[in-house]
Amino acid sequence: MSSTTSARRWRLLALPFLALAMAACGGGNDDAGQATGGGEAPSSGSEVVIEGFAFNPMDIEVAPGTTVTWTNQDSAPHTVKDNGDLFPESEELAKGDTFEFTYDTPGEYPYICGIHQYMKGTVTVS
């Protein structure tokens, strides 16, 4: 077998591994838990994790009738407090506790942690 054929075969065998390595390096989270890569579009899930004194994702977009669930993964207690009059502030959430609210009406709904008011998020219903 010639060295040219051998080199070509080696490159063809290496392509799947290279593609896998490139896919593993893109996106993800940085050390602060913030999404990296892929832009600033809101998440379309209905789960929010409270971790590292932040809501993750910070902004989500849901359809009317969707129940959003916040789960505290911090050792510190947190609450979920609507910035308007949509729902009362949740009870203090210890690690592992959850709070749920169903969003029925389209609109943009900012919320905070009532204990750590620098923690902010938004639910957009569309």
N, C-alpha and C. Protein backbone atom coordinates (compact mmCIF):
# COMPACT_ATOMS: atom_id res chain seq x y z
N MET A 1 0.86 -1.17 0.00
CA MET A 1 0.00 0.00 0.00
C MET A 1 0.90 1.23 0.00
N SER A 2 0.55 2.20 -0.82
CA SER A 2 1.38 3.40 -0.92
C SER A 2 1.16 4.29 0.29
N SER A 3 2.10 5.20 0.53
CA SER A 3 1.98 6.11 1.68
C SER A 3 0.83 7.08 1.47
N THR A 4 0.49 7.42 0.21
CA THR A 4 -0.63 8.31 -0.07
C THR A 4 -1.95 7.63 0.30
N THR A 5 -2.11 6.36 -0.05
CA THR A 5 -3.31 5.62 0.28
C THR A 5 -3.43 5.45 1.78
N SER A 6 -2.34 5.17 2.43
CA SER A 6 -2.33 4.99 3.87
C SER A 6 -2.72 6.29 4.58
N ALA A 7 -2.19 7.42 4.13
CA ALA A 7 -2.51 8.71 4.73
C ALA A 7 -3.99 9.04 4.51
N ARG A 8 -4.53 8.76 3.34
CA ARG A 8 -5.94 9.03 3.02
C ARG A 8 -6.84 8.19 3.93
N ARG A 9 -6.50 6.92 4.10
CA ARG A 9 -7.29 6.02 4.95
C ARG A 9 -7.26 6.53 6.41
N TRP A 10 -6.11 6.96 6.88
CA TRP A 10 -5.97 7.46 8.24
C TRP A 10 -6.85 8.69 8.46
N ARG A 11 -6.88 9.60 7.47
CA ARG A 11 -7.72 10.80 7.58
C ARG A 11 -9.19 10.43 7.61
N LEU A 12 -9.61 9.47 6.80
CA LEU A 12 -11.01 9.05 6.80
C LEU A 12 -11.41 8.42 8.13
N LEU A 13 -10.53 7.67 8.73
CA LEU A 13 -10.82 7.07 10.03
C LEU A 13 -10.85 8.12 11.14
N ALA A 14 -10.09 9.17 11.00
CA ALA A 14 -10.00 10.21 12.03
C ALA A 14 -11.18 11.18 11.98
N LEU A 15 -11.88 11.31 10.85
CA LEU A 15 -12.96 12.29 10.71
C LEU A 15 -14.07 12.12 11.75
N PRO A 16 -14.59 10.92 12.00
CA PRO A 16 -15.66 10.82 13.01
C PRO A 16 -15.20 11.27 14.40
N PHE A 17 -13.97 10.97 14.77
CA PHE A 17 -13.46 11.38 16.07
C PHE A 17 -13.29 12.89 16.14
N LEU A 18 -12.85 13.51 15.06
CA LEU A 18 -12.70 14.95 15.00
C LEU A 18 -14.07 15.63 15.13
N ALA A 19 -15.07 15.11 14.41
CA ALA A 19 -16.42 15.68 14.48
C ALA A 19 -16.98 15.58 15.90
N LEU A 20 -16.77 14.44 16.54
CA LEU A 20 -17.24 14.26 17.90
C LEU A 20 -16.55 15.22 18.86
N ALA A 21 -15.27 15.40 18.71
CA ALA A 21 -14.52 16.31 19.57
C ALA A 21 -14.98 17.75 19.37
N MET A 22 -15.25 18.14 18.14
CA MET A 22 -15.71 19.51 17.87
C MET A 22 -17.10 19.74 18.47
N ALA A 23 -17.97 18.74 18.37
CA ALA A 23 -19.32 18.88 18.92
C ALA A 23 -19.25 19.00 20.44
N ALA A 24 -18.35 18.28 21.06
CA ALA A 24 -18.23 18.32 22.52
C ALA A 24 -17.71 19.66 23.01
N CYS A 25 -16.96 20.37 22.19
CA CYS A 25 -16.37 21.64 22.61
C CYS A 25 -17.31 22.82 22.44
N GLY A 26 -18.32 22.73 21.62
CA GLY A 26 -19.19 23.86 21.36
C GLY A 26 -20.24 24.03 22.43
N GLY A 27 -20.67 25.28 22.71
CA GLY A 27 -21.73 25.57 23.67
C GLY A 27 -21.35 25.16 25.07
N GLY A 28 -22.35 24.83 25.88
CA GLY A 28 -22.09 24.40 27.25
C GLY A 28 -22.25 25.54 28.23
N ASN A 29 -21.66 25.36 29.41
CA ASN A 29 -21.74 26.38 30.46
C ASN A 29 -20.34 26.80 30.86
N ASP A 30 -20.19 28.07 31.22
CA ASP A 30 -18.92 28.51 31.74
C ASP A 30 -18.89 28.23 33.24
N ASP A 31 -17.84 28.63 33.93
CA ASP A 31 -17.70 28.31 35.34
C ASP A 31 -18.77 28.95 36.21
N ALA A 32 -19.41 30.03 35.74
CA ALA A 32 -20.44 30.70 36.52
C ALA A 32 -21.82 30.11 36.23
N GLY A 33 -21.89 29.07 35.38
CA GLY A 33 -23.16 28.46 35.06
C GLY A 33 -23.93 29.18 33.99
N GLN A 34 -23.35 30.21 33.40
CA GLN A 34 -24.02 30.95 32.34
C GLN A 34 -23.86 30.22 31.02
N ALA A 35 -24.89 30.22 30.21
CA ALA A 35 -24.82 29.58 28.91
C ALA A 35 -23.78 30.29 28.06
N THR A 36 -23.02 29.50 27.33
CA THR A 36 -22.03 30.07 26.44
C THR A 36 -22.28 29.54 25.05
N GLY A 37 -21.92 30.31 24.06
CA GLY A 37 -22.12 29.89 22.68
C GLY A 37 -23.60 29.85 22.36
N GLY A 38 -23.94 29.95 21.11
CA GLY A 38 -25.32 29.81 20.70
C GLY A 38 -26.18 31.04 20.89
N GLY A 39 -25.64 32.17 21.28
CA GLY A 39 -26.42 33.41 21.34
C GLY A 39 -27.15 33.59 22.65
N GLU A 40 -28.05 34.57 22.67
CA GLU A 40 -28.74 34.97 23.88
C GLU A 40 -30.23 34.67 23.83
N ALA A 41 -30.67 33.76 22.99
CA ALA A 41 -32.09 33.45 22.87
C ALA A 41 -32.59 32.80 24.16
N PRO A 42 -33.83 33.10 24.56
CA PRO A 42 -34.37 32.48 25.75
C PRO A 42 -34.54 30.98 25.55
N SER A 43 -34.48 30.25 26.66
CA SER A 43 -34.70 28.81 26.62
C SER A 43 -36.18 28.55 26.41
N SER A 44 -36.51 27.43 25.77
CA SER A 44 -37.91 27.11 25.56
C SER A 44 -38.38 26.01 26.50
N GLY A 45 -37.58 25.67 27.53
CA GLY A 45 -38.00 24.67 28.51
C GLY A 45 -38.90 25.27 29.56
N SER A 46 -39.39 24.43 30.46
CA SER A 46 -40.25 24.93 31.53
C SER A 46 -39.65 24.66 32.91
N GLU A 47 -38.37 24.31 32.95
CA GLU A 47 -37.67 24.04 34.20
C GLU A 47 -36.62 25.12 34.44
N VAL A 48 -36.60 25.67 35.64
CA VAL A 48 -35.58 26.65 36.02
C VAL A 48 -34.87 26.11 37.25
N VAL A 49 -33.56 26.03 37.19
CA VAL A 49 -32.75 25.57 38.32
C VAL A 49 -32.17 26.80 39.02
N ILE A 50 -32.28 26.82 40.33
CA ILE A 50 -31.68 27.89 41.13
C ILE A 50 -30.36 27.32 41.66
N GLU A 51 -29.27 27.89 41.14
CA GLU A 51 -27.96 27.36 41.49
C GLU A 51 -26.92 28.46 41.33
N GLY A 52 -25.97 28.51 42.26
CA GLY A 52 -24.94 29.53 42.19
C GLY A 52 -25.51 30.93 42.34
N PHE A 53 -26.59 31.05 43.14
CA PHE A 53 -27.27 32.32 43.35
C PHE A 53 -27.70 32.95 42.03
N ALA A 54 -28.26 32.10 41.15
CA ALA A 54 -28.78 32.56 39.85
C ALA A 54 -29.89 31.64 39.39
N PHE A 55 -30.79 32.18 38.58
CA PHE A 55 -31.81 31.38 37.91
C PHE A 55 -31.22 30.90 36.58
N ASN A 56 -31.30 29.61 36.32
CA ASN A 56 -30.72 29.07 35.10
C ASN A 56 -31.72 28.13 34.43
N PRO A 57 -32.22 28.48 33.24
CA PRO A 57 -31.89 29.69 32.48
C PRO A 57 -32.55 30.92 33.11
N MET A 58 -31.95 32.05 32.85
CA MET A 58 -32.47 33.30 33.39
C MET A 58 -33.75 33.72 32.67
N ASP A 59 -33.84 33.49 31.38
CA ASP A 59 -35.00 33.86 30.57
C ASP A 59 -35.52 32.61 29.87
N ILE A 60 -36.82 32.36 30.01
CA ILE A 60 -37.42 31.23 29.30
C ILE A 60 -38.66 31.71 28.54
N GLU A 61 -38.99 30.97 27.51
CA GLU A 61 -40.18 31.26 26.71
C GLU A 61 -41.04 30.01 26.71
N VAL A 62 -42.32 30.18 27.05
CA VAL A 62 -43.25 29.06 27.13
C VAL A 62 -44.55 29.40 26.42
N ALA A 63 -45.32 28.37 26.14
CA ALA A 63 -46.65 28.54 25.54
C ALA A 63 -47.67 28.77 26.65
N PRO A 64 -48.79 29.44 26.34
CA PRO A 64 -49.83 29.62 27.35
C PRO A 64 -50.27 28.25 27.89
N GLY A 65 -50.53 28.20 29.19
CA GLY A 65 -50.94 26.96 29.84
C GLY A 65 -49.79 26.12 30.35
N THR A 66 -48.56 26.60 30.20
CA THR A 66 -47.38 25.87 30.64
C THR A 66 -47.11 26.12 32.12
N THR A 67 -46.81 25.04 32.84
CA THR A 67 -46.41 25.15 34.24
C THR A 67 -44.88 25.22 34.30
N VAL A 68 -44.37 26.29 34.88
CA VAL A 68 -42.93 26.46 35.05
C VAL A 68 -42.58 25.98 36.45
N THR A 69 -41.50 25.20 36.55
CA THR A 69 -41.05 24.67 37.84
C THR A 69 -39.66 25.20 38.15
N TRP A 70 -39.51 25.80 39.32
CA TRP A 70 -38.22 26.25 39.82
C TRP A 70 -37.75 25.24 40.87
N THR A 71 -36.50 24.80 40.78
CA THR A 71 -35.93 23.86 41.75
C THR A 71 -34.67 24.46 42.34
N ASN A 72 -34.62 24.56 43.67
CA ASN A 72 -33.46 25.12 44.34
C ASN A 72 -32.39 24.04 44.50
N GLN A 73 -31.23 24.26 43.91
CA GLN A 73 -30.09 23.35 44.05
C GLN A 73 -28.97 23.98 44.88
N ASP A 74 -29.22 25.18 45.42
CA ASP A 74 -28.25 25.85 46.29
C ASP A 74 -28.46 25.36 47.72
N SER A 75 -27.42 25.46 48.54
CA SER A 75 -27.57 25.15 49.96
C SER A 75 -28.26 26.31 50.69
N ALA A 76 -28.24 27.50 50.10
CA ALA A 76 -28.92 28.67 50.68
C ALA A 76 -30.39 28.66 50.27
N PRO A 77 -31.28 29.18 51.13
CA PRO A 77 -32.69 29.27 50.75
C PRO A 77 -32.92 30.38 49.72
N HIS A 78 -33.93 30.19 48.88
CA HIS A 78 -34.32 31.18 47.89
C HIS A 78 -35.84 31.21 47.81
N THR A 79 -36.38 32.27 47.19
CA THR A 79 -37.80 32.33 46.89
C THR A 79 -37.96 32.73 45.43
N VAL A 80 -39.18 32.59 44.94
CA VAL A 80 -39.53 33.08 43.61
C VAL A 80 -40.62 34.11 43.82
N LYS A 81 -40.37 35.34 43.37
CA LYS A 81 -41.30 36.44 43.61
C LYS A 81 -41.59 37.14 42.29
N ASP A 82 -42.86 37.13 41.91
CA ASP A 82 -43.29 37.84 40.70
C ASP A 82 -43.12 39.34 40.92
N ASN A 83 -42.66 40.06 39.91
CA ASN A 83 -42.48 41.51 40.04
C ASN A 83 -43.79 42.27 39.95
N GLY A 84 -44.87 41.59 39.59
CA GLY A 84 -46.20 42.21 39.54
C GLY A 84 -47.09 41.55 40.58
N ASP A 85 -48.35 41.40 40.23
CA ASP A 85 -49.31 40.77 41.15
C ASP A 85 -49.80 39.44 40.61
N LEU A 86 -48.99 38.77 39.81
CA LEU A 86 -49.42 37.52 39.18
C LEU A 86 -49.54 36.39 40.20
N PHE A 87 -48.57 36.26 41.07
CA PHE A 87 -48.64 35.23 42.13
C PHE A 87 -47.90 35.74 43.36
N PRO A 88 -48.29 35.23 44.53
CA PRO A 88 -47.58 35.65 45.75
C PRO A 88 -46.19 35.02 45.78
N GLU A 89 -45.31 35.60 46.57
CA GLU A 89 -43.96 35.07 46.71
C GLU A 89 -44.03 33.64 47.23
N SER A 90 -43.19 32.78 46.68
CA SER A 90 -43.14 31.40 47.15
C SER A 90 -42.65 31.36 48.59
N GLU A 91 -42.87 30.25 49.24
CA GLU A 91 -42.24 30.03 50.54
C GLU A 91 -40.75 29.89 50.30
N GLU A 92 -39.95 29.98 51.37
CA GLU A 92 -38.51 29.76 51.23
C GLU A 92 -38.28 28.34 50.72
N LEU A 93 -37.48 28.25 49.69
CA LEU A 93 -37.15 26.95 49.11
C LEU A 93 -35.79 26.50 49.62
N ALA A 94 -35.77 25.40 50.36
CA ALA A 94 -34.51 24.80 50.78
C ALA A 94 -33.97 23.98 49.61
N LYS A 95 -32.75 23.50 49.73
CA LYS A 95 -32.14 22.69 48.67
C LYS A 95 -33.05 21.50 48.35
N GLY A 96 -33.36 21.36 47.05
CA GLY A 96 -34.21 20.27 46.58
C GLY A 96 -35.69 20.63 46.51
N ASP A 97 -36.12 21.73 47.14
CA ASP A 97 -37.52 22.15 47.09
C ASP A 97 -37.86 22.75 45.73
N THR A 98 -39.15 22.67 45.37
CA THR A 98 -39.61 23.23 44.11
C THR A 98 -40.78 24.17 44.33
N PHE A 99 -40.98 25.04 43.35
CA PHE A 99 -42.13 25.93 43.29
C PHE A 99 -42.63 25.89 41.85
N GLU A 100 -43.96 25.85 41.68
CA GLU A 100 -44.54 25.80 40.34
C GLU A 100 -45.58 26.89 40.17
N PHE A 101 -45.68 27.38 38.93
CA PHE A 101 -46.73 28.32 38.57
C PHE A 101 -47.09 28.09 37.11
N THR A 102 -48.40 28.11 36.81
CA THR A 102 -48.88 27.93 35.45
C THR A 102 -49.19 29.30 34.84
N TYR A 103 -48.55 29.58 33.70
CA TYR A 103 -48.73 30.84 32.98
C TYR A 103 -49.77 30.63 31.89
N ASP A 104 -50.91 31.33 32.01
CA ASP A 104 -51.99 31.17 31.05
C ASP A 104 -52.07 32.29 30.02
N THR A 105 -51.64 33.49 30.37
CA THR A 105 -51.84 34.66 29.52
C THR A 105 -50.53 35.09 28.88
N PRO A 106 -50.53 35.30 27.54
CA PRO A 106 -49.31 35.78 26.89
C PRO A 106 -48.82 37.10 27.50
N GLY A 107 -47.52 37.24 27.56
CA GLY A 107 -46.91 38.45 28.10
C GLY A 107 -45.51 38.15 28.58
N GLU A 108 -44.88 39.16 29.16
CA GLU A 108 -43.52 39.04 29.70
C GLU A 108 -43.61 39.23 31.21
N TYR A 109 -43.12 38.24 31.96
CA TYR A 109 -43.27 38.22 33.40
C TYR A 109 -41.92 38.15 34.10
N PRO A 110 -41.38 39.30 34.53
CA PRO A 110 -40.13 39.29 35.27
C PRO A 110 -40.36 38.80 36.71
N TYR A 111 -39.34 38.16 37.27
CA TYR A 111 -39.41 37.70 38.65
C TYR A 111 -38.02 37.82 39.28
N ILE A 112 -37.99 37.74 40.61
CA ILE A 112 -36.75 37.85 41.36
C ILE A 112 -36.77 36.82 42.48
N CYS A 113 -35.64 36.68 43.16
CA CYS A 113 -35.59 35.99 44.44
C CYS A 113 -35.88 37.05 45.49
N GLY A 114 -36.90 36.83 46.31
CA GLY A 114 -37.26 37.82 47.32
C GLY A 114 -36.19 38.00 48.39
N ILE A 115 -35.33 37.01 48.56
CA ILE A 115 -34.25 37.09 49.56
C ILE A 115 -33.02 37.77 48.96
N HIS A 116 -32.68 37.39 47.74
CA HIS A 116 -31.50 37.93 47.05
C HIS A 116 -32.01 38.65 45.80
N GLN A 117 -32.39 39.89 45.94
CA GLN A 117 -33.12 40.58 44.88
C GLN A 117 -32.30 40.88 43.64
N TYR A 118 -31.00 40.64 43.66
CA TYR A 118 -30.18 40.76 42.45
C TYR A 118 -30.37 39.56 41.54
N MET A 119 -30.97 38.50 42.05
CA MET A 119 -31.27 37.32 41.22
C MET A 119 -32.55 37.61 40.44
N LYS A 120 -32.44 37.64 39.12
CA LYS A 120 -33.58 38.01 38.29
C LYS A 120 -33.79 37.02 37.16
N GLY A 121 -35.01 36.93 36.70
CA GLY A 121 -35.34 36.11 35.55
C GLY A 121 -36.61 36.62 34.90
N THR A 122 -36.92 36.07 33.73
CA THR A 122 -38.13 36.46 33.01
C THR A 122 -38.74 35.23 32.35
N VAL A 123 -40.06 35.14 32.48
CA VAL A 123 -40.83 34.14 31.75
C VAL A 123 -41.61 34.90 30.69
N THR A 124 -41.40 34.52 29.42
CA THR A 124 -42.15 35.10 28.32
C THR A 124 -43.14 34.05 27.84
N VAL A 125 -44.40 34.41 27.82
CA VAL A 125 -45.48 33.51 27.38
C VAL A 125 -45.93 34.00 26.01
N SER A 126 -45.76 33.12 25.01
CA SER A 126 -46.17 33.52 23.65
C SER A 126 -46.76 32.34 22.91
